[in-house]
Each structure stands twice: as structure tokens, then as C-alpha cells.
Amino acid sequence: MHRRELLKTGSMMALVGSALMPSRLLASEPRLTHQGYSVGGAEQSLAYHWLDVLLDTAATEVGRVGARPTILARAMAVVTAAMYEAWAAFDDKARGQFFGDSLRVAPSERTLANKQAAISYAAACAITDLYPESRTNIEAALRKFGFDPMKAVASRASPIGIGTLVGEKICAHKHGDGANQMGDEVGSSGVPYSDYTEYAPVNSPDHVFNPDRWQPITFRRDDGSTFAPGFLTPQWYRVEPFALARPDQFRAPEPPRVGSDRLKADIDEVMHYNATLTPEQKAVVEFMRDGPQSTGQSGHWLRLAQDVSRRDHYSLDQDVKLFFQVGQCAHDAFIASWDSKRYWDTSRPWTLVRYYYGDQTIKGWGGPGKGVIEMKASDWYPYSPYIFVSPPFPSYVSGHSTVSGACGETLRLFTGSDHLGAELVRHPGEITEPDAMGPDVTLYLPTFTETADMAGISRVMGGYHIQADNIEGLKMGRSVGRLVHERAQDLFGHA
């Protein structure tokens, strides 16, 4: 895969997300490339660089076990919360979620060096707890940043001790937050993050008993073998949120049902997109589908937060608060989205196209290298690789729309402006049909709001969601984004 994703802000161009080819950068721009995926120099804060470590570690995990967006978002929320809580002890006003202001040190100790030490040991502790197989890499990162892993002993007597104490406290608490990280919830299989709520689909991969309900979809591996993944983390509505009072606080209204004009129109729209995708639309689908380094929407929006940090020359204090707020926002958005997914349990376009049109002849994307062809509706396929037909969980509401709506709104509120000013250069089709790639296209992301809208509509264009999933997801997400902003600002001491 060769992706070029460029951010243009004023006179500065920098890589966004998982760019593997750092081109078109201004020669005078200082940059630090961490495993080829991030741009940032010595002027970026240590919080910024620890976020790089987190995202690279998460990307490695995705390569090992596959994309699990809810679990990724929770991991990012835990680490950004640990950095924030450790940093808060060295701030004049900020309070932590877990310790309040009880760790606050004397004014003479509130130095940049002490903040850097505290957030480093907190981040290292949290990342190691979430990704224990990456311990060696995390210890290497500590040494790279000038710290000794052997000094990680919890106490209230030093910045290193405070960071370690915070990391251990938060991780211990999160082991019982409902995600089932340890695989020890009553009713679970013993596998980390496995379901313990006894969810069972109404439909099977080869038979639809109720077209309004979710159907597991059969995927095809490169070797020709097939598998049908179950609902990913159906227990997520039980996970402890940051700002939500309850998971159904913003639950979406009843979705359109089979037999309604609304659902038929939404399915026809998906089919029309599928048969008429332009190079630009393909680029949008792929950029929003894969996310930076395949770290999902939580990773996507944290990378955009890094872009804001570079653009506006943020300090460590600003970075810690920004990453914390965006990290908690994505996490809460997934909880809210999964509540609606579990409650309404709706089918994907894959199922509905087949239900409505059966063996009728339609036009649609024929697969890699085939372009748009005439086919039976029963052979219809989203604009996606065969190994990933549609996300393995119910459709309503779109997680992409919810998380993007939430993070876009929270970034707008945090920065005090909707301005983003991003410019992305993409190879259309490079993930889905690399042998049929056309010329580069440029995508423009002028505002946070429009970027969230692009993420939402990309799921309709890709064939993963109907418009109702998108509209209600964006609405839900923006409500979550506002709520998270209010809660975070209160902790920051700005309310």
C-alpha cells in the first residue's frame, strides 16, 4: 500500500495519518518520522510523541489481530487519560478523573521537566498494560525520551512515582469497566474483550429470517477460504463512559424498516453510489475507511488533533488537554453508537440489496479489476476488499459518523474555531483495486464539521451504511462531542 496524505495549513504542508511516502514537504520544515508514520520535530511536545508511540503500538496490534474499533478507542482513551491525570498534578487548576486535586504538587515543582517525566511514566504504564507484548518497545521509547524504565515505582514523592501511580490506578480501574479486557467477566469465554451478554444474531450467514435484523456476513480470505465473524464487542454498551450519564442518553430513534419508502430510497441511493463512484469518491471511501495505520476513527481524529497541534504551535499543556478530550470523545461516541447498534440490531446494505432485488439484474461494482458491470443483485458487493465485506456488527447507527461527528464537534469547541484547512492527496483505489488506480486526486477538508460529514457520507458511498445510519450517527456524535467538551472543560478548571 502506498498512501500519500498531505496536510496544508497556511504555508505548511505535513503528513497526516499513515503516509508512507513523505513527499511535497517544505525542505525547511523540521520533522520527526516515527516508523514512517508521523511528522513532528523537537518543537512538538513529549505528549505528542507519546501519542505517536501509542498509535504505532495500536497499529501493530491491528496487524496482529485485526481492526477492533471499539477496543482501539478505549485503549486511546485510557492512555490519554493517564497522561492527563499525571499532568494535572503539576497544573495550577486542573483536576483528575480519579485523584481529583489530591496529587497536586507545590508551585515550585510544576516545571516542564516534571510534567514530562510524569506523563511519560503514566503513558508507558498504560500502553504496556493494554499491549503487554509491546513492553520491550515501550521501554525503548522511555529510554529514547531520556528515562529509565527501572525507576517506574508508584509513589506520591516524585514525578516518576506520580506518573506510575496514576498509570497503575487507572489501568486497575479499567480492568473492571465492562469491556472485559481481562476476559474474566461472568459469562464470557475467558478471551479478553469477549462477549458476556449472550448476544445471538437472529439471522445466519446463509439465511435471512428477518431482513430488519443484522446478518453475519461471509468474508473471503486470499487463499479462498471463508469465515463469518460475529458481532464485535456486543457488550460495549456496558463499558464505563467518560461523560455520558448512561449509554442510551442519545439513543437514535427507530430506524426505517423494510416496507417503508424511506428504507427503499436509502438502499437505492447506496446502489446508485456503488455503480457510479468517481475517483474522488473512491478516494474518500478509502481514506475514511482505513484510517491512519488502520487505527480506526479514534486514531484518525487523534492524528487530526496532532495536525492542529502543529498548526497552532501547541505547548505540552495544550497537547495533553487536547489529546485527552479527543480520546475520551471517541470512546464515549463508540459506547453511544454501540448502544443503538445493540438495541436496534439492524441489517447492512449487503443484506438489504439482496432482500429487495434478489436475482434481478442491476449495475454495480464488479470487484477489483472489473469496474462497473451488470450483475444479479444477489452478487452485489460494497466497494471493499473481499477480506472485509462490511464491518462485523449491526448497521444503525454508523460508528464512523458518530465518532467523527463527536470528535469534529469537540475539536471545534476546544479550538474555538471550525477551521481545519486540510488538503489530502490520494491514489484512488489503492487499497481496494490497486491494479486499477487512476491519477491522484486532492481532497479538501476545510472544517472539522465538513470532515465529519465526509467521514459519514463515505460509509454510504462505500456500501456499508444507509443514509439513516449516517444522519442519526452524526447527530448523536455531535451531542456526545458537546457533552465531552463540557465535562473536560470542568476538569481543566475552565468551566
Protein backbone atom coordinates (compact mmCIF):
# COMPACT_ATOMS: atom_id res chain seq x y z
CA MET A 1 0.00 0.00 0.00
CA HIS A 2 1.31 3.45 -0.89
CA ARG A 3 -0.65 6.33 0.56
CA ARG A 4 0.15 10.00 0.43
CA GLU A 5 -1.89 12.13 2.78
CA LEU A 6 -0.78 15.71 2.95
CA LEU A 7 -1.96 18.43 5.28
CA LYS A 8 -1.72 22.01 4.12
CA THR A 9 -2.16 24.76 6.68
CA GLY A 10 -1.13 28.21 5.58
CA SER A 11 2.41 27.83 4.25
CA MET A 12 2.97 24.49 5.99
CA MET A 13 2.49 21.05 4.45
CA ALA A 14 2.83 17.98 6.64
CA LEU A 15 1.91 14.34 6.52
CA VAL A 16 -1.36 13.23 8.07
CA GLY A 17 -2.04 9.72 9.30
CA SER A 18 -0.32 6.72 7.80
CA ALA A 19 1.55 8.32 4.92
CA LEU A 20 4.33 6.02 3.76
CA MET A 21 5.82 8.42 1.23
CA PRO A 22 6.78 11.74 2.89
CA SER A 23 6.75 13.88 -0.24
CA ARG A 24 5.96 17.52 -1.00
CA LEU A 25 7.19 18.64 2.41
CA LEU A 26 8.83 22.00 2.59
CA ALA A 27 12.57 21.49 2.82
CA SER A 28 12.76 23.88 5.76
CA GLU A 29 10.16 22.01 7.81
CA PRO A 30 11.69 20.08 10.73
CA ARG A 31 10.15 16.68 11.20
CA LEU A 32 10.47 13.52 13.22
CA THR A 33 9.30 10.42 11.37
CA HIS A 34 8.36 7.71 13.84
CA GLN A 35 8.35 4.41 11.90
CA GLY A 36 7.45 6.47 8.82
CA TYR A 37 4.01 7.45 10.01
CA SER A 38 4.23 10.74 11.87
CA VAL A 39 5.60 14.19 11.28
CA GLY A 40 6.87 16.31 14.10
CA GLY A 41 10.12 17.79 15.27
CA ALA A 42 11.73 18.84 18.51
CA GLU A 43 9.22 21.67 18.80
CA GLN A 44 6.42 19.15 19.32
CA SER A 45 5.71 18.23 22.91
CA LEU A 46 6.51 14.94 24.58
CA ALA A 47 2.77 14.27 24.83
CA TYR A 48 2.65 14.49 21.03
CA HIS A 49 5.46 11.94 20.71
CA TRP A 50 3.91 9.59 23.26
CA LEU A 51 0.75 9.70 21.18
CA ASP A 52 2.89 8.55 18.25
CA VAL A 53 4.10 5.63 20.35
CA LEU A 54 0.51 4.73 21.26
CA LEU A 55 -0.76 4.90 17.68
CA ASP A 56 2.16 2.89 16.31
CA THR A 57 1.66 0.27 19.02
CA ALA A 58 -2.06 0.12 18.24
CA ALA A 59 -1.30 -0.24 14.53
CA THR A 60 0.98 -3.18 15.25
CA GLU A 61 -1.84 -4.79 17.24
CA VAL A 62 -4.24 -4.28 14.33
CA GLY A 63 -1.80 -6.05 12.06
CA ARG A 64 -1.66 -8.94 14.51
CA VAL A 65 -5.34 -9.43 15.44
CA GLY A 66 -7.30 -7.24 13.00
CA ALA A 67 -9.19 -3.98 13.39
CA ARG A 68 -11.36 -3.72 16.52
CA PRO A 69 -12.54 -0.11 16.58
CA THR A 70 -14.22 -0.13 19.99
CA ILE A 71 -11.19 -1.68 21.66
CA LEU A 72 -8.83 0.71 19.86
CA ALA A 73 -10.82 3.73 21.02
CA ARG A 74 -10.87 2.51 24.61
CA ALA A 75 -7.09 1.99 24.56
CA MET A 76 -6.56 5.51 23.28
CA ALA A 77 -8.92 6.88 25.92
CA VAL A 78 -7.06 5.05 28.69
CA VAL A 79 -3.62 6.29 27.63
CA THR A 80 -4.66 9.89 27.01
CA ALA A 81 -6.46 9.83 30.38
CA ALA A 82 -3.32 8.56 32.11
CA MET A 83 -1.21 11.32 30.57
CA TYR A 84 -3.77 13.93 31.54
CA GLU A 85 -4.17 12.71 35.12
CA ALA A 86 -0.41 12.66 35.68
CA TRP A 87 -0.02 16.10 34.13
CA ALA A 88 -2.86 17.55 36.23
CA ALA A 89 -0.80 17.09 39.39
CA PHE A 90 1.60 19.73 38.03
CA ASP A 91 -1.02 22.23 36.86
CA ASP A 92 -2.45 25.13 38.82
CA LYS A 93 -6.14 24.36 38.28
CA ALA A 94 -6.75 21.04 36.54
CA ARG A 95 -8.31 18.09 38.37
CA GLY A 96 -8.04 14.43 37.50
CA GLN A 97 -10.87 11.97 36.98
CA PHE A 98 -9.56 9.59 39.61
CA PHE A 99 -7.41 11.58 42.03
CA GLY A 100 -9.09 14.97 41.76
CA ASP A 101 -6.56 17.52 43.02
CA SER A 102 -5.11 15.25 45.71
CA LEU A 103 -1.84 14.76 43.82
CA ARG A 104 -1.20 18.45 43.17
CA VAL A 105 2.40 19.37 43.92
CA ALA A 106 3.86 22.61 45.25
CA PRO A 107 4.15 25.51 42.77
CA SER A 108 7.93 25.21 42.72
CA GLU A 109 7.62 21.63 41.39
CA ARG A 110 5.30 22.47 38.49
CA THR A 111 8.06 22.52 35.91
CA LEU A 112 8.10 21.32 32.33
CA ALA A 113 10.67 18.63 33.15
CA ASN A 114 8.49 17.23 35.92
CA LYS A 115 5.43 17.23 33.69
CA GLN A 116 7.36 15.37 31.00
CA ALA A 117 8.51 12.73 33.47
CA ALA A 118 5.04 12.22 34.93
CA ILE A 119 3.23 11.86 31.61
CA SER A 120 5.97 9.59 30.24
CA TYR A 121 5.71 7.03 33.03
CA ALA A 122 1.91 7.23 33.03
CA ALA A 123 1.76 6.65 29.28
CA ALA A 124 4.31 3.84 29.38
CA CYS A 125 2.45 2.10 32.20
CA ALA A 126 -0.91 2.34 30.41
CA ILE A 127 0.34 1.28 26.98
CA THR A 128 2.14 -1.70 28.50
CA ASP A 129 -0.98 -2.78 30.36
CA LEU A 130 -3.06 -2.60 27.18
CA TYR A 131 -0.41 -4.12 24.91
CA PRO A 132 1.82 -6.29 27.14
CA GLU A 133 3.50 -7.91 24.14
CA SER A 134 4.92 -4.45 23.30
CA ARG A 135 6.70 -3.98 26.63
CA THR A 136 10.17 -4.05 25.05
CA ASN A 137 9.22 -1.32 22.57
CA ILE A 138 7.65 0.82 25.28
CA GLU A 139 10.74 0.55 27.45
CA ALA A 140 12.82 1.52 24.41
CA ALA A 141 10.62 4.58 23.95
CA LEU A 142 11.17 5.57 27.58
CA ARG A 143 14.93 5.34 27.11
CA LYS A 144 14.70 7.28 23.84
CA PHE A 145 12.98 10.10 25.72
CA GLY A 146 15.65 10.04 28.44
CA PHE A 147 14.01 7.94 31.15
CA ASP A 148 14.94 4.71 32.92
CA PRO A 149 12.19 2.03 32.87
CA MET A 150 13.62 0.53 36.08
CA LYS A 151 12.62 3.66 38.01
CA ALA A 152 8.89 3.08 37.45
CA VAL A 153 7.82 2.74 41.08
CA ALA A 154 4.48 4.16 42.20
CA SER A 155 4.63 6.92 44.82
CA ARG A 156 3.47 10.46 45.51
CA ALA A 157 7.01 11.66 46.17
CA SER A 158 8.30 12.30 42.65
CA PRO A 159 7.08 12.97 39.10
CA ILE A 160 8.12 9.44 38.07
CA GLY A 161 6.26 8.00 41.05
CA ILE A 162 3.15 10.07 40.35
CA GLY A 163 3.11 9.03 36.70
CA THR A 164 3.49 5.37 37.61
CA LEU A 165 0.88 5.63 40.37
CA VAL A 166 -1.61 7.22 38.01
CA GLY A 167 -0.98 4.66 35.28
CA GLU A 168 -1.39 1.73 37.66
CA LYS A 169 -4.52 3.18 39.28
CA ILE A 170 -6.29 3.91 36.01
CA CYS A 171 -5.42 0.55 34.47
CA ALA A 172 -6.56 -1.35 37.54
CA HIS A 173 -9.85 0.52 37.44
CA LYS A 174 -10.32 -0.11 33.72
CA HIS A 175 -9.88 -3.86 34.20
CA GLY A 176 -13.41 -3.78 35.62
CA ASP A 177 -15.00 -1.15 33.37
CA GLY A 178 -17.23 -3.59 31.46
CA ALA A 179 -15.01 -4.04 28.41
CA ASN A 180 -13.80 -7.42 29.69
CA GLN A 181 -10.15 -6.63 28.99
CA MET A 182 -9.05 -9.48 31.26
CA GLY A 183 -11.60 -11.97 29.94
CA ASP A 184 -12.86 -12.53 33.47
CA GLU A 185 -16.45 -11.25 33.28
CA VAL A 186 -19.03 -13.81 34.38
CA GLY A 187 -20.48 -15.41 31.26
CA SER A 188 -17.51 -14.69 28.98
CA SER A 189 -15.34 -17.25 27.20
CA GLY A 190 -12.22 -16.20 29.07
CA VAL A 191 -10.85 -14.45 26.00
CA PRO A 192 -10.02 -10.77 26.52
CA TYR A 193 -12.80 -8.46 25.32
CA SER A 194 -15.14 -11.39 24.61
CA ASP A 195 -18.90 -11.04 24.96
CA TYR A 196 -20.55 -11.94 28.24
CA THR A 197 -24.06 -10.66 27.42
CA GLU A 198 -25.24 -13.70 25.42
CA TYR A 199 -25.88 -11.82 22.18
CA ALA A 200 -27.05 -14.11 19.37
CA PRO A 201 -27.95 -12.97 15.84
CA VAL A 202 -31.46 -13.60 14.52
CA ASN A 203 -30.11 -14.38 11.03
CA SER A 204 -27.39 -16.78 9.94
CA PRO A 205 -24.76 -16.10 7.26
CA ASP A 206 -26.70 -18.17 4.73
CA HIS A 207 -30.31 -17.42 5.68
CA VAL A 208 -32.28 -14.26 6.47
CA PHE A 209 -35.20 -14.86 8.82
CA ASN A 210 -35.83 -11.15 9.44
CA PRO A 211 -34.38 -8.60 6.95
CA ASP A 212 -34.66 -5.81 9.52
CA ARG A 213 -32.15 -7.56 11.77
CA TRP A 214 -28.39 -7.94 11.45
CA GLN A 215 -26.95 -10.80 9.42
CA PRO A 216 -23.37 -12.06 9.90
CA ILE A 217 -21.66 -11.70 6.52
CA THR A 218 -19.26 -14.18 4.96
CA PHE A 219 -15.76 -12.89 4.24
CA ARG A 220 -13.29 -14.48 1.83
CA ARG A 221 -9.58 -14.81 2.57
CA ASP A 222 -6.87 -14.52 -0.06
CA ASP A 223 -6.49 -18.30 -0.06
CA GLY A 224 -10.18 -18.76 -0.95
CA SER A 225 -11.33 -19.92 2.49
CA THR A 226 -14.29 -18.17 4.08
CA PHE A 227 -15.41 -17.12 7.54
CA ALA A 228 -18.33 -15.15 9.01
CA PRO A 229 -17.28 -13.03 12.00
CA GLY A 230 -19.79 -12.43 14.77
CA PHE A 231 -20.85 -9.15 16.37
CA LEU A 232 -17.67 -7.41 17.58
CA THR A 233 -17.91 -6.48 21.29
CA PRO A 234 -21.72 -6.54 21.66
CA GLN A 235 -21.15 -5.82 25.36
CA TRP A 236 -19.82 -2.33 24.63
CA TYR A 237 -22.97 -0.58 25.81
CA ARG A 238 -21.94 -1.73 29.29
CA VAL A 239 -18.50 -0.10 29.18
CA GLU A 240 -17.93 2.80 31.57
CA PRO A 241 -18.00 6.15 29.73
CA PHE A 242 -16.24 9.41 30.44
CA ALA A 243 -19.07 11.94 30.21
CA LEU A 244 -22.23 10.02 29.26
CA ALA A 245 -24.68 9.62 32.11
CA ARG A 246 -25.83 6.34 30.57
CA PRO A 247 -25.23 4.56 27.25
CA ASP A 248 -28.69 5.30 25.87
CA GLN A 249 -28.51 9.01 26.67
CA PHE A 250 -28.56 9.89 22.97
CA ARG A 251 -30.01 6.65 21.60
CA ALA A 252 -31.13 7.05 17.99
CA PRO A 253 -34.85 6.92 17.17
CA GLU A 254 -36.37 3.88 15.48
CA PRO A 255 -34.69 3.26 12.10
CA PRO A 256 -36.56 2.91 8.79
CA ARG A 257 -37.98 -0.58 8.34
CA VAL A 258 -38.45 -2.96 5.45
CA GLY A 259 -41.59 -1.91 3.61
CA SER A 260 -41.06 1.80 4.17
CA ASP A 261 -40.40 4.21 1.33
CA ARG A 262 -37.53 5.66 3.36
CA LEU A 263 -35.56 2.42 3.58
CA LYS A 264 -36.12 1.59 -0.09
CA ALA A 265 -34.87 5.06 -1.08
CA ASP A 266 -31.83 4.69 1.16
CA ILE A 267 -30.93 1.33 -0.38
CA ASP A 268 -31.39 2.70 -3.90
CA GLU A 269 -29.03 5.54 -3.00
CA VAL A 270 -26.37 3.07 -1.86
CA MET A 271 -26.74 1.09 -5.09
CA HIS A 272 -26.51 4.25 -7.18
CA TYR A 273 -23.29 5.31 -5.45
CA ASN A 274 -21.85 1.83 -5.92
CA ALA A 275 -22.46 1.91 -9.67
CA THR A 276 -21.24 5.47 -10.25
CA LEU A 277 -18.29 6.05 -7.91
CA THR A 278 -15.93 8.72 -9.18
CA PRO A 279 -12.18 8.59 -8.49
CA GLU A 280 -12.63 11.30 -5.87
CA GLN A 281 -15.41 9.36 -4.16
CA LYS A 282 -13.28 6.20 -4.15
CA ALA A 283 -10.50 8.18 -2.51
CA VAL A 284 -12.91 9.44 0.15
CA VAL A 285 -14.20 5.93 0.85
CA GLU A 286 -10.70 4.54 1.27
CA PHE A 287 -9.28 7.40 3.31
CA MET A 288 -12.15 7.30 5.78
CA ARG A 289 -12.44 3.51 5.79
CA ASP A 290 -8.89 2.61 6.66
CA GLY A 291 -7.87 5.38 8.99
CA PRO A 292 -4.25 6.23 9.74
CA GLN A 293 -2.30 2.97 10.06
CA SER A 294 -5.68 1.21 10.27
CA THR A 295 -6.22 2.58 13.78
CA GLY A 296 -9.84 3.43 13.03
CA GLN A 297 -11.72 6.64 13.60
CA SER A 298 -10.24 7.17 17.07
CA GLY A 299 -6.74 7.08 15.59
CA HIS A 300 -7.88 9.16 12.64
CA TRP A 301 -9.11 12.01 14.81
CA LEU A 302 -6.16 11.88 17.17
CA ARG A 303 -3.90 12.31 14.12
CA LEU A 304 -6.01 15.31 13.13
CA ALA A 305 -5.55 16.60 16.69
CA GLN A 306 -1.80 16.33 16.14
CA ASP A 307 -2.19 18.34 12.96
CA VAL A 308 -3.96 21.04 14.96
CA SER A 309 -1.14 20.95 17.50
CA ARG A 310 1.49 21.52 14.79
CA ARG A 311 -0.58 24.11 13.03
CA ASP A 312 -1.21 26.18 16.16
CA HIS A 313 2.17 25.50 17.85
CA TYR A 314 0.65 23.95 20.95
CA SER A 315 2.59 23.55 24.17
CA LEU A 316 2.73 20.36 26.21
CA ASP A 317 -0.10 21.66 28.43
CA GLN A 318 -2.35 22.26 25.43
CA ASP A 319 -1.47 18.93 23.83
CA VAL A 320 -2.25 16.92 26.95
CA LYS A 321 -5.67 18.52 27.25
CA LEU A 322 -6.44 18.28 23.53
CA PHE A 323 -5.49 14.61 23.21
CA PHE A 324 -7.33 13.78 26.42
CA GLN A 325 -10.53 15.43 25.23
CA VAL A 326 -10.44 13.85 21.77
CA GLY A 327 -9.53 10.44 23.20
CA GLN A 328 -12.42 10.46 25.67
CA CYS A 329 -14.74 11.77 22.98
CA ALA A 330 -14.09 8.89 20.57
CA HIS A 331 -14.52 6.39 23.40
CA ASP A 332 -17.87 7.80 24.53
CA ALA A 333 -19.05 8.03 20.93
CA PHE A 334 -18.40 4.32 20.42
CA ILE A 335 -20.32 3.48 23.59
CA ALA A 336 -23.29 5.54 22.42
CA SER A 337 -23.13 4.12 18.92
CA TRP A 338 -22.89 0.52 20.17
CA ASP A 339 -25.90 1.06 22.41
CA SER A 340 -28.01 1.85 19.34
CA LYS A 341 -26.40 -0.94 17.32
CA ARG A 342 -27.20 -3.48 20.03
CA TYR A 343 -30.68 -2.13 20.72
CA TRP A 344 -31.89 -1.85 17.09
CA ASP A 345 -29.73 -4.66 15.65
CA THR A 346 -30.27 -3.61 12.02
CA SER A 347 -29.03 -5.20 8.80
CA ARG A 348 -26.36 -3.90 6.45
CA PRO A 349 -26.87 -2.88 2.80
CA TRP A 350 -25.30 -6.25 1.88
CA THR A 351 -28.42 -7.95 3.24
CA LEU A 352 -30.97 -5.36 2.13
CA VAL A 353 -29.84 -5.13 -1.51
CA ARG A 354 -30.29 -8.88 -1.78
CA TYR A 355 -33.63 -8.77 0.01
CA TYR A 356 -35.10 -6.03 -2.18
CA TYR A 357 -33.71 -7.07 -5.55
CA GLY A 358 -32.86 -10.77 -5.29
CA ASP A 359 -31.80 -12.13 -8.69
CA GLN A 360 -32.80 -9.01 -10.63
CA THR A 361 -30.11 -7.63 -12.93
CA ILE A 362 -28.53 -4.42 -11.64
CA LYS A 363 -25.38 -2.42 -12.26
CA GLY A 364 -22.72 -2.42 -9.59
CA TRP A 365 -19.03 -2.55 -8.84
CA GLY A 366 -17.83 -5.96 -10.01
CA GLY A 367 -14.76 -6.32 -7.81
CA PRO A 368 -11.06 -5.49 -8.23
CA GLY A 369 -10.17 -5.00 -11.88
CA LYS A 370 -13.73 -5.46 -13.14
CA GLY A 371 -15.17 -1.97 -12.91
CA VAL A 372 -18.93 -1.49 -13.06
CA ILE A 373 -20.76 -4.45 -14.58
CA GLU A 374 -24.23 -5.91 -14.88
CA MET A 375 -24.85 -8.50 -12.19
CA LYS A 376 -27.52 -10.17 -10.14
CA ALA A 377 -28.41 -8.21 -7.04
CA SER A 378 -27.57 -11.36 -5.08
CA ASP A 379 -23.95 -10.80 -6.18
CA TRP A 380 -23.82 -7.12 -5.19
CA TYR A 381 -20.71 -6.08 -3.31
CA PRO A 382 -19.62 -2.96 -1.37
CA TYR A 383 -16.59 -1.06 -2.63
CA SER A 384 -14.31 -3.05 -0.39
CA PRO A 385 -11.67 -5.81 -0.45
CA TYR A 386 -13.06 -9.35 -0.33
CA ILE A 387 -11.43 -9.91 3.04
CA PHE A 388 -13.59 -7.16 4.54
CA VAL A 389 -17.12 -7.08 3.11
CA SER A 390 -18.76 -4.98 5.82
CA PRO A 391 -17.94 -4.27 9.46
CA PRO A 392 -18.96 -7.22 11.69
CA PHE A 393 -21.68 -5.58 13.73
CA PRO A 394 -25.15 -4.11 13.17
CA SER A 395 -25.61 -1.07 10.98
CA TYR A 396 -27.65 1.57 12.82
CA VAL A 397 -26.05 3.94 13.67
CA SER A 398 -22.79 4.37 11.78
CA GLY A 399 -19.80 4.28 14.09
CA HIS A 400 -17.77 6.35 11.63
CA SER A 401 -20.47 9.02 11.60
CA THR A 402 -20.90 9.00 15.37
CA VAL A 403 -17.22 9.18 16.24
CA SER A 404 -16.45 11.72 13.51
CA GLY A 405 -19.40 13.89 14.47
CA ALA A 406 -18.30 13.75 18.10
CA CYS A 407 -14.61 14.43 17.55
CA GLY A 408 -15.23 17.10 14.93
CA GLU A 409 -17.55 18.91 17.33
CA THR A 410 -15.23 18.58 20.29
CA LEU A 411 -12.28 19.88 18.24
CA ARG A 412 -14.37 22.81 17.06
CA LEU A 413 -15.24 23.68 20.64
CA PHE A 414 -11.75 23.08 22.02
CA THR A 415 -10.02 25.27 19.43
CA GLY A 416 -12.77 27.89 19.32
CA SER A 417 -12.99 27.62 15.53
CA ASP A 418 -14.30 25.18 12.93
CA HIS A 419 -11.26 25.81 10.72
CA LEU A 420 -9.09 22.82 9.79
CA GLY A 421 -7.61 23.66 6.38
CA ALA A 422 -6.52 20.19 5.28
CA GLU A 423 -5.61 19.00 1.81
CA LEU A 424 -5.24 15.28 1.13
CA VAL A 425 -3.58 13.80 -1.95
CA ARG A 426 -4.72 10.22 -2.59
CA HIS A 427 -4.35 7.34 -5.03
CA PRO A 428 -7.97 6.32 -5.72
CA GLY A 429 -8.42 2.59 -5.38
CA GLU A 430 -5.01 1.86 -3.91
CA ILE A 431 -6.45 -0.27 -1.10
CA THR A 432 -9.40 -1.81 -2.91
CA GLU A 433 -8.25 -2.23 -6.50
CA PRO A 434 -4.55 -1.33 -6.69
CA ASP A 435 -4.20 -2.63 -10.26
CA ALA A 436 -6.82 -0.17 -11.49
CA MET A 437 -5.58 3.04 -9.87
CA GLY A 438 -6.00 6.27 -11.75
CA PRO A 439 -4.33 9.66 -11.32
CA ASP A 440 -4.03 11.25 -7.90
CA VAL A 441 -6.94 13.28 -6.59
CA THR A 442 -6.94 16.01 -3.98
CA LEU A 443 -9.50 16.03 -1.18
CA TYR A 444 -10.17 19.19 0.80
CA LEU A 445 -11.07 19.30 4.49
CA PRO A 446 -11.72 22.95 5.21
CA THR A 447 -13.51 22.50 8.56
CA PHE A 448 -13.92 19.93 11.31
CA THR A 449 -17.64 19.80 10.56
CA GLU A 450 -17.14 19.10 6.86
CA THR A 451 -14.53 16.47 7.65
CA ALA A 452 -17.02 14.67 9.89
CA ASP A 453 -19.65 14.95 7.16
CA MET A 454 -17.18 13.44 4.68
CA ALA A 455 -16.49 10.53 7.03
CA GLY A 456 -20.21 9.92 7.37
CA ILE A 457 -21.17 10.02 3.69
CA SER A 458 -18.13 7.87 2.84
CA ARG A 459 -19.84 4.96 4.55
CA VAL A 460 -22.88 5.34 2.30
CA MET A 461 -20.73 5.66 -0.81
CA GLY A 462 -18.74 2.61 0.22
CA GLY A 463 -21.85 0.49 0.64
CA TYR A 464 -21.51 -0.18 4.36
CA HIS A 465 -24.35 2.02 5.60
CA ILE A 466 -27.59 3.66 4.53
CA GLN A 467 -28.19 7.37 4.88
CA ALA A 468 -30.29 6.95 8.03
CA ASP A 469 -27.27 5.37 9.76
CA ASN A 470 -25.17 8.36 8.77
CA ILE A 471 -27.62 11.16 9.62
CA GLU A 472 -28.50 9.84 13.04
CA GLY A 473 -24.89 8.91 13.76
CA LEU A 474 -23.66 12.44 13.08
CA LYS A 475 -26.47 13.87 15.20
CA MET A 476 -25.68 11.52 18.08
CA GLY A 477 -21.95 12.17 17.78
CA ARG A 478 -22.28 15.93 17.92
CA SER A 479 -24.35 15.62 21.08
CA VAL A 480 -21.61 13.44 22.59
CA GLY A 481 -18.93 15.90 21.46
CA ARG A 482 -20.61 18.80 23.23
CA LEU A 483 -21.11 16.79 26.41
CA VAL A 484 -17.49 15.63 26.48
CA HIS A 485 -16.28 19.18 25.93
CA GLU A 486 -18.31 20.41 28.92
CA ARG A 487 -17.00 17.64 31.17
CA ALA A 488 -13.40 18.13 30.06
CA GLN A 489 -13.51 21.89 30.48
CA ASP A 490 -14.80 21.40 34.01
CA LEU A 491 -11.83 19.16 34.81
CA PHE A 492 -9.45 21.63 33.19
CA GLY A 493 -10.78 24.33 35.52
CA HIS A 494 -12.13 26.39 32.62
CA ALA A 495 -15.84 25.99 33.29
